[in-house]
Amino acid sequence: MSRQVLERFPAGGPRGSWPAEEFAGARRDEGVPARVVMDLETDTFLVIVEQRTPERAPEPVREE
């Protein structure tokens, strides 16, 4: 499964402000399954969409 980062928001926003959640909510209203995760290394909230990686079909067996 892969993740696509739609937007990044600094964690030090004003008290009572949730810009990452608001952005993710707006994407969900558009039908995009966005969610918010925290990147602890950069102290940033990430709005992401998880995407399933298509599984490779097995190679057909060739009979000779």
Protein backbone atom coordinates (compact mmCIF):
# COMPACT_ATOMS: atom_id res chain seq x y z
CA MET A 1 0.00 0.00 0.00
CA SER A 2 1.33 3.41 -0.88
CA ARG A 3 0.53 6.82 0.53
CA GLN A 4 0.22 10.12 -1.28
CA VAL A 5 0.71 13.32 0.71
CA LEU A 6 -1.86 15.90 -0.34
CA GLU A 7 -0.79 18.70 2.01
CA ARG A 8 1.47 19.47 5.00
CA PHE A 9 0.57 21.66 7.99
CA PRO A 10 2.87 22.79 10.83
CA ALA A 11 1.90 21.40 14.22
CA GLY A 12 2.24 24.75 15.98
CA GLY A 13 -1.02 26.28 14.77
CA PRO A 14 -3.14 28.65 16.88
CA ARG A 15 -5.10 27.12 19.76
CA GLY A 16 -8.41 25.71 18.56
CA SER A 17 -7.33 25.78 14.91
CA TRP A 18 -7.31 22.46 13.06
CA PRO A 19 -6.30 23.31 9.47
CA ALA A 20 -5.15 19.78 8.60
CA GLU A 21 -8.45 18.27 9.80
CA GLU A 22 -10.43 20.93 7.96
CA PHE A 23 -8.49 20.29 4.75
CA ALA A 24 -8.94 16.51 5.08
CA GLY A 25 -12.66 16.97 5.79
CA ALA A 26 -13.06 19.06 2.65
CA ARG A 27 -11.32 16.33 0.61
CA ARG A 28 -13.60 13.68 2.15
CA ASP A 29 -16.61 15.82 1.16
CA GLU A 30 -15.25 15.59 -2.41
CA GLY A 31 -15.10 11.79 -2.15
CA VAL A 32 -11.35 11.52 -1.51
CA PRO A 33 -10.56 9.18 1.44
CA ALA A 34 -8.12 11.62 3.08
CA ARG A 35 -6.91 11.34 6.66
CA VAL A 36 -4.46 13.15 8.92
CA VAL A 37 -1.28 11.62 10.32
CA MET A 38 1.54 13.15 12.36
CA ASP A 39 5.13 13.18 11.10
CA LEU A 40 7.02 13.26 14.39
CA GLU A 41 10.41 13.89 12.77
CA THR A 42 9.28 17.15 11.17
CA ASP A 43 6.55 18.07 13.71
CA THR A 44 4.09 18.32 10.83
CA PHE A 45 0.56 17.08 10.20
CA LEU A 46 0.22 15.34 6.85
CA VAL A 47 -3.03 14.91 4.96
CA ILE A 48 -2.67 11.62 3.13
CA VAL A 49 -4.55 9.27 0.87
CA GLU A 50 -3.68 5.59 1.05
CA GLN A 51 -3.69 3.80 -2.27
CA ARG A 52 -3.62 0.11 -2.83
CA THR A 53 -0.74 -1.00 -4.97
CA PRO A 54 -2.04 -3.29 -7.69
CA GLU A 55 -0.76 -6.79 -7.28
CA ARG A 56 1.15 -8.16 -10.21
CA ALA A 57 -0.59 -10.94 -12.03
CA PRO A 58 1.47 -14.10 -12.21
CA GLU A 59 3.27 -14.72 -15.45
CA PRO A 60 1.38 -17.17 -17.67
CA VAL A 61 2.93 -20.60 -17.92
CA ARG A 62 4.12 -21.34 -21.43
CA GLU A 63 3.82 -24.87 -22.60
CA GLU A 64 6.35 -25.89 -25.22
